[in-house]
Amino acid sequence: MIITKTPFRMSFFGGGTDIPDFFMENGGAVLSTTFDKYCYVNVRHLPRFFEYSTELSYSKTERVTCNDDIRHPMIRNAMNMLDMQEIRLTYEADLPARSGLGTSSSFAVGMLNAFYALKGKYADKKELADEAIYLERVLCREAGGWQDQIAASYGSFNRIDFNCDGFEVFPVIISPERKKQLNQNLMMFFTGFTRFSSEVQKVNAIGDKLEKHAMLKEMKELVNDAEKVLTDKDTDLNEFGRLLDYTWGLKKKVGSAVSTDTIDNLYRRGIEAGALGGKLLGAGGGGFLIFYIEPDKQDRLRSAMENLMYIPFAFENGGTRVIHYTPELYSPRSEGNA
């Protein structure tokens, strides 16, 4: 039996520049972190006592005798890609899917990590990120960028650069005290809305390409500014919040599906309560709002967001990992096992 634990990601700057159509020509960069909310994938070989050979439990339950009959496209493609047979898979998560935290990519990374472990093989973080990107963007044909799979694989607070050769991950060098202060100055709320990121990406792709790319180039440059704020101890950390406000304004111009009137009203209430900035996490349209606000004003923000669920969190450093490993003896049916 294998159990993997994979974190969700929180993207601050550069979202949208991680899409191949943009970064292959212009380069891309994002600044993001993972935090202490996780998805768990439990995988084992299914004993041969049942009419079905594979059982899957996520928001639905599937029992099939052939991989091609699996309705969940990501599980079906992953099992075929790695030639997985006769398994029982269970998925659980601390936060809901389709909420802007890269949940589907965290599941993809955690599932691939579990499949390799069940085979008795080790896959490093780069391999898991690459294969999760291939799984989602090529095999499942889902629109979107690359940052979510990379963040889930590597974990921690990173700058990720993209170019025509792929990607590079650079840990952000920030003192523990400054990192703790940043964590304390961030508050996250669940708006209650969920959506498919790939659908939002398709809507946002409509419009003038040159105009969108100009804004994305500016958003890419903000990654440099935000990284400097974090790493330069002589810079006021509050500038990070102001930059969040600025990049959120830019992001709303990139696509019509990024925000809604409801989200705009919630954001305005946050600023009026004392937040220096914030943004909606993910591709847009709903999910989680994050605000940068100093601790002495946070009670006012809680009151302003009284109808939303407050989600406390802490940055994490682990990335995906196997938290339980019990090897199994398994021989495919083709070797004469009934």
Protein backbone atom coordinates (compact mmCIF):
# COMPACT_ATOMS: atom_id res chain seq x y z
CA MET A 1 0.00 0.00 0.00
CA ILE A 2 1.21 3.51 -0.88
CA ILE A 3 0.00 6.84 0.49
CA THR A 4 1.27 10.11 -0.94
CA LYS A 5 0.81 13.59 0.51
CA THR A 6 0.98 16.50 -1.93
CA PRO A 7 0.57 20.20 -1.07
CA PHE A 8 -1.54 22.82 -2.78
CA ARG A 9 0.06 25.94 -4.15
CA MET A 10 -0.47 29.65 -3.67
CA SER A 11 0.61 31.75 -6.65
CA PHE A 12 1.45 35.41 -6.02
CA PHE A 13 3.00 36.84 -9.19
CA GLY A 14 3.44 35.91 -12.85
CA GLY A 15 0.36 33.74 -13.33
CA GLY A 16 -0.40 33.44 -17.03
CA THR A 17 3.23 33.76 -18.10
CA ASP A 18 3.61 30.01 -17.47
CA ILE A 19 1.43 29.17 -20.49
CA PRO A 20 3.51 27.78 -23.40
CA ASP A 21 1.91 30.04 -26.02
CA PHE A 22 3.40 32.97 -24.10
CA PHE A 23 6.66 31.77 -22.59
CA MET A 24 7.96 29.94 -25.65
CA GLU A 25 8.29 33.34 -27.28
CA ASN A 26 8.63 35.76 -24.36
CA GLY A 27 9.87 33.70 -21.43
CA GLY A 28 7.88 33.47 -18.22
CA ALA A 29 8.29 33.63 -14.45
CA VAL A 30 6.10 33.01 -11.42
CA LEU A 31 6.55 33.50 -7.69
CA SER A 32 4.64 30.96 -5.62
CA THR A 33 4.65 28.83 -2.50
CA THR A 34 3.06 25.67 -1.25
CA PHE A 35 1.22 25.65 2.07
CA ASP A 36 -0.05 23.21 4.66
CA LYS A 37 -3.19 21.99 2.92
CA TYR A 38 -2.80 18.69 1.08
CA CYS A 39 -4.32 16.00 -1.06
CA TYR A 40 -3.76 12.34 -0.24
CA VAL A 41 -3.66 9.49 -2.73
CA ASN A 42 -3.89 5.93 -1.40
CA VAL A 43 -3.04 3.19 -3.91
CA ARG A 44 -2.76 -0.59 -3.60
CA HIS A 45 -3.35 -3.58 -5.84
CA LEU A 46 -6.93 -4.79 -5.62
CA PRO A 47 -7.33 -8.37 -4.38
CA ARG A 48 -8.82 -10.66 -7.03
CA PHE A 49 -12.06 -11.47 -5.22
CA PHE A 50 -14.35 -9.15 -7.16
CA GLU A 51 -16.14 -8.99 -10.50
CA TYR A 52 -14.22 -5.80 -11.24
CA SER A 53 -10.44 -5.40 -11.40
CA THR A 54 -10.03 -1.71 -10.50
CA GLU A 55 -11.84 0.43 -7.93
CA LEU A 56 -11.51 4.23 -7.79
CA SER A 57 -12.88 6.48 -5.08
CA TYR A 58 -12.80 10.28 -5.48
CA SER A 59 -15.96 12.42 -5.59
CA LYS A 60 -17.47 9.37 -7.30
CA THR A 61 -16.84 5.65 -7.14
CA GLU A 62 -15.89 3.65 -10.21
CA ARG A 63 -15.52 -0.10 -10.56
CA VAL A 64 -14.25 -1.34 -13.92
CA THR A 65 -12.63 -4.35 -15.54
CA CYS A 66 -10.73 -2.38 -18.19
CA ASN A 67 -8.70 0.83 -17.89
CA ASP A 68 -10.35 2.27 -20.99
CA ASP A 69 -13.72 2.13 -19.20
CA ILE A 70 -12.54 4.57 -16.50
CA ARG A 71 -14.55 7.80 -16.75
CA HIS A 72 -12.07 10.03 -14.89
CA PRO A 73 -9.79 11.17 -17.75
CA MET A 74 -6.73 11.91 -15.62
CA ILE A 75 -6.79 8.56 -13.81
CA ARG A 76 -7.49 6.68 -17.06
CA ASN A 77 -4.63 8.34 -18.93
CA ALA A 78 -2.20 8.02 -16.02
CA MET A 79 -2.94 4.32 -15.60
CA ASN A 80 -2.45 3.70 -19.31
CA MET A 81 0.70 5.84 -19.40
CA LEU A 82 2.37 3.86 -16.60
CA ASP A 83 0.67 0.54 -17.37
CA MET A 84 -1.09 0.30 -14.02
CA GLN A 85 -3.46 -2.66 -13.61
CA GLU A 86 -5.78 -3.99 -10.91
CA ILE A 87 -5.59 -1.17 -8.39
CA ARG A 88 -7.68 0.42 -5.70
CA LEU A 89 -7.19 4.20 -5.58
CA THR A 90 -8.65 6.58 -3.01
CA TYR A 91 -8.37 10.38 -3.15
CA GLU A 92 -8.95 12.77 -0.26
CA ALA A 93 -8.16 16.48 0.13
CA ASP A 94 -8.13 19.20 2.76
CA LEU A 95 -9.70 21.74 0.38
CA PRO A 96 -12.28 21.52 -2.43
CA ALA A 97 -11.42 20.95 -6.08
CA ARG A 98 -11.75 23.67 -8.73
CA SER A 99 -10.92 26.39 -6.21
CA GLY A 100 -7.84 28.06 -7.70
CA LEU A 101 -5.15 26.28 -5.69
CA GLY A 102 -3.90 23.88 -8.34
CA THR A 103 -5.82 20.99 -6.82
CA SER A 104 -6.03 18.95 -10.03
CA SER A 105 -2.29 19.26 -10.61
CA SER A 106 -1.53 18.30 -7.01
CA PHE A 107 -3.67 15.21 -7.56
CA ALA A 108 -1.83 14.43 -10.80
CA VAL A 109 1.57 14.72 -9.11
CA GLY A 110 0.51 12.74 -6.04
CA MET A 111 -1.08 10.00 -8.14
CA LEU A 112 2.00 9.59 -10.36
CA ASN A 113 4.21 9.54 -7.27
CA ALA A 114 2.02 6.78 -5.79
CA PHE A 115 2.00 4.76 -9.01
CA TYR A 116 5.79 4.82 -9.25
CA ALA A 117 6.14 3.81 -5.60
CA LEU A 118 3.69 0.92 -6.12
CA LYS A 119 5.96 -0.27 -8.92
CA GLY A 120 8.95 -0.01 -6.58
CA LYS A 121 10.45 2.86 -8.56
CA TYR A 122 11.67 6.31 -7.52
CA ALA A 123 10.68 9.38 -9.53
CA ASP A 124 12.43 12.66 -8.69
CA LYS A 125 10.68 16.01 -8.50
CA LYS A 126 11.65 17.06 -12.03
CA GLU A 127 10.34 13.81 -13.52
CA LEU A 128 7.06 14.05 -11.61
CA ALA A 129 6.53 17.65 -12.70
CA ASP A 130 7.32 16.86 -16.34
CA GLU A 131 5.03 13.84 -16.43
CA ALA A 132 2.18 15.63 -14.65
CA ILE A 133 2.42 18.46 -17.20
CA TYR A 134 2.35 15.90 -20.04
CA LEU A 135 -0.58 14.09 -18.42
CA GLU A 136 -2.76 17.17 -17.98
CA ARG A 137 -1.81 19.32 -20.95
CA VAL A 138 -1.19 16.66 -23.63
CA LEU A 139 -3.00 13.43 -22.75
CA CYS A 140 -6.01 15.10 -21.10
CA ARG A 141 -5.85 18.14 -23.40
CA GLU A 142 -6.64 20.57 -20.59
CA ALA A 143 -5.78 24.21 -21.22
CA GLY A 144 -3.50 25.90 -18.71
CA GLY A 145 0.04 26.60 -17.61
CA TRP A 146 2.83 24.61 -16.03
CA GLN A 147 3.35 26.22 -12.64
CA ASP A 148 0.88 24.11 -10.63
CA GLN A 149 2.51 20.76 -11.40
CA ILE A 150 5.98 22.15 -10.65
CA ALA A 151 4.94 23.74 -7.35
CA ALA A 152 3.22 20.54 -6.18
CA SER A 153 6.30 18.48 -7.04
CA TYR A 154 8.99 20.71 -5.56
CA GLY A 155 7.16 22.43 -2.70
CA SER A 156 8.43 25.47 -0.77
CA PHE A 157 8.68 29.16 -1.76
CA ASN A 158 10.12 29.37 -5.28
CA ARG A 159 10.65 31.47 -8.33
CA ILE A 160 10.00 29.35 -11.42
CA ASP A 161 11.36 30.55 -14.77
CA PHE A 162 10.02 29.28 -18.12
CA ASN A 163 11.60 29.36 -21.56
CA CYS A 164 11.70 27.38 -24.80
CA ASP A 165 13.91 24.76 -23.11
CA GLY A 166 11.47 24.10 -20.26
CA PHE A 167 11.64 25.41 -16.70
CA GLU A 168 14.02 26.07 -13.81
CA VAL A 169 13.16 26.26 -10.12
CA PHE A 170 14.97 28.72 -7.85
CA PRO A 171 14.26 28.75 -4.10
CA VAL A 172 13.56 32.24 -2.80
CA ILE A 173 16.25 33.12 -0.26
CA ILE A 174 14.32 34.77 2.56
CA SER A 175 15.14 34.84 6.26
CA PRO A 176 12.94 32.70 8.54
CA GLU A 177 11.84 35.84 10.43
CA ARG A 178 10.82 37.67 7.25
CA LYS A 179 9.06 34.60 5.89
CA LYS A 180 7.14 34.23 9.13
CA GLN A 181 6.15 37.90 9.00
CA LEU A 182 4.89 37.50 5.44
CA ASN A 183 2.83 34.47 6.46
CA GLN A 184 1.33 36.43 9.35
CA ASN A 185 0.40 39.30 7.02
CA LEU A 186 -1.60 37.10 4.65
CA MET A 187 -5.22 36.07 5.15
CA MET A 188 -7.16 33.69 2.92
CA PHE A 189 -10.93 33.40 2.49
CA PHE A 190 -13.07 30.96 0.52
CA THR A 191 -15.59 32.69 -1.74
CA GLY A 192 -17.66 29.56 -2.14
CA PHE A 193 -17.41 29.56 -5.92
CA THR A 194 -15.67 26.79 -7.81
CA ARG A 195 -14.87 26.40 -11.49
CA PHE A 196 -12.71 24.45 -13.93
CA SER A 197 -9.45 26.30 -14.53
CA SER A 198 -9.24 24.98 -18.10
CA GLU A 199 -12.62 26.55 -18.92
CA VAL A 200 -11.53 29.91 -17.50
CA GLN A 201 -8.28 29.72 -19.48
CA LYS A 202 -10.22 29.17 -22.72
CA VAL A 203 -12.40 32.23 -22.11
CA ASN A 204 -9.41 34.35 -21.13
CA ALA A 205 -7.63 33.37 -24.36
CA ILE A 206 -10.22 35.32 -26.35
CA GLY A 207 -9.18 38.87 -27.25
CA ASP A 208 -6.33 40.88 -28.66
CA LYS A 209 -3.18 38.77 -28.39
CA LEU A 210 -0.71 41.66 -28.57
CA GLU A 211 -2.51 43.58 -25.84
CA LYS A 212 -2.65 40.52 -23.56
CA HIS A 213 1.03 39.76 -24.13
CA ALA A 214 1.98 43.34 -23.23
CA MET A 215 0.21 42.98 -19.89
CA LEU A 216 1.71 39.53 -19.31
CA LYS A 217 5.19 40.94 -19.93
CA GLU A 218 4.57 43.53 -17.23
CA MET A 219 3.28 40.84 -14.89
CA LYS A 220 6.46 38.86 -15.54
CA GLU A 221 8.60 41.88 -14.57
CA LEU A 222 6.66 42.19 -11.31
CA VAL A 223 8.12 38.82 -10.30
CA ASN A 224 11.53 40.50 -10.14
CA ASP A 225 10.14 43.35 -8.04
CA ALA A 226 8.34 41.04 -5.63
CA GLU A 227 11.36 38.75 -5.24
CA LYS A 228 13.52 41.76 -4.39
CA VAL A 229 11.04 42.83 -1.71
CA LEU A 230 11.27 39.40 -0.09
CA THR A 231 15.04 39.00 -0.28
CA ASP A 232 16.12 42.57 0.55
CA LYS A 233 15.78 42.96 4.31
CA ASP A 234 16.03 46.75 4.00
CA THR A 235 12.88 46.94 1.84
CA ASP A 236 9.54 47.47 3.57
CA LEU A 237 7.70 44.13 3.41
CA ASN A 238 4.42 46.02 2.97
CA GLU A 239 5.54 46.72 -0.58
CA PHE A 240 4.69 43.08 -1.29
CA GLY A 241 1.04 43.86 -0.55
CA ARG A 242 1.05 46.92 -2.77
CA LEU A 243 2.53 44.90 -5.62
CA LEU A 244 -0.21 42.30 -5.14
CA ASP A 245 -2.80 45.02 -5.61
CA TYR A 246 -1.10 46.20 -8.78
CA THR A 247 -0.72 42.74 -10.33
CA TRP A 248 -4.37 41.92 -9.52
CA GLY A 249 -5.40 45.01 -11.48
CA LEU A 250 -3.34 43.82 -14.43
CA LYS A 251 -4.62 40.27 -14.25
CA LYS A 252 -8.25 41.41 -14.44
CA LYS A 253 -7.46 43.07 -17.77
CA VAL A 254 -5.96 39.88 -19.23
CA GLY A 255 -9.30 38.04 -19.48
CA SER A 256 -13.00 38.60 -18.96
CA ALA A 257 -13.37 35.46 -16.82
CA VAL A 258 -10.72 36.46 -14.23
CA SER A 259 -13.11 38.29 -11.93
CA THR A 260 -16.82 38.91 -11.37
CA ASP A 261 -18.85 41.74 -9.84
CA THR A 262 -19.14 39.71 -6.63
CA ILE A 263 -15.37 39.16 -6.45
CA ASP A 264 -14.73 42.83 -7.19
CA ASN A 265 -17.06 43.86 -4.36
CA LEU A 266 -15.37 41.48 -1.92
CA TYR A 267 -11.95 42.77 -2.93
CA ARG A 268 -13.02 46.39 -2.48
CA ARG A 269 -14.35 45.58 0.99
CA GLY A 270 -10.98 44.04 1.85
CA ILE A 271 -9.09 47.15 0.78
CA GLU A 272 -11.50 49.39 2.71
CA ALA A 273 -10.85 47.22 5.79
CA GLY A 274 -7.14 48.01 5.60
CA ALA A 275 -5.62 45.43 3.25
CA LEU A 276 -2.77 46.81 1.15
CA GLY A 277 -3.47 44.37 -1.65
CA GLY A 278 -4.56 40.90 -2.56
CA LYS A 279 -5.73 38.71 -5.40
CA LEU A 280 -7.91 35.84 -6.39
CA LEU A 281 -5.84 32.66 -6.49
CA GLY A 282 -5.79 30.65 -9.69
CA ALA A 283 -7.08 31.33 -13.20
CA GLY A 284 -10.04 33.36 -11.95
CA GLY A 285 -13.78 33.26 -11.62
CA GLY A 286 -13.95 32.07 -8.00
CA GLY A 287 -12.26 30.08 -5.29
CA PHE A 288 -9.98 31.70 -2.71
CA LEU A 289 -9.21 35.35 -2.07
CA ILE A 290 -5.96 36.24 -0.36
CA PHE A 291 -5.21 39.61 1.24
CA TYR A 292 -2.03 41.19 2.51
CA ILE A 293 -2.94 43.03 5.72
CA GLU A 294 -0.99 43.92 8.84
CA PRO A 295 -1.97 42.01 12.00
CA ASP A 296 -3.42 45.01 13.85
CA LYS A 297 -6.06 45.43 11.11
CA GLN A 298 -6.96 41.79 10.60
CA ASP A 299 -9.99 41.83 12.90
CA ARG A 300 -11.51 44.49 10.65
CA LEU A 301 -10.93 42.28 7.63
CA ARG A 302 -12.53 39.30 9.34
CA SER A 303 -15.61 41.44 10.01
CA ALA A 304 -15.68 42.66 6.41
CA MET A 305 -15.52 39.05 5.20
CA GLU A 306 -17.89 37.68 7.84
CA ASN A 307 -19.92 35.75 5.25
CA LEU A 308 -16.84 33.95 3.93
CA MET A 309 -14.90 31.05 5.43
CA TYR A 310 -11.50 32.10 6.80
CA ILE A 311 -8.74 29.56 6.07
CA PRO A 312 -5.64 29.83 8.30
CA PHE A 313 -2.50 28.41 6.72
CA ALA A 314 1.26 28.13 7.03
CA PHE A 315 3.90 27.87 4.31
CA GLU A 316 5.34 24.39 3.83
CA ASN A 317 8.59 23.09 2.34
CA GLY A 318 8.06 19.43 1.47
CA GLY A 319 6.42 19.10 -1.91
CA THR A 320 4.95 15.72 -2.79
CA ARG A 321 6.18 12.77 -0.72
CA VAL A 322 5.36 9.17 0.09
CA ILE A 323 4.18 9.05 3.70
CA HIS A 324 3.39 5.32 3.81
CA TYR A 325 5.12 2.55 1.88
CA THR A 326 4.30 -1.13 2.21
CA PRO A 327 5.68 -3.19 -0.71
CA GLU A 328 3.35 -5.70 -2.33
CA LEU A 329 3.97 -8.92 -4.24
CA TYR A 330 2.11 -8.57 -7.53
CA SER A 331 2.11 -10.68 -10.69
CA PRO A 332 0.03 -9.60 -13.71
CA ARG A 333 -2.79 -11.94 -14.74
CA SER A 334 -0.97 -12.63 -17.98
CA GLU A 335 1.58 -14.64 -15.98
CA GLY A 336 -1.00 -17.29 -15.21
CA ASN A 337 -2.77 -15.82 -12.18
CA ALA A 338 -6.54 -16.11 -12.13
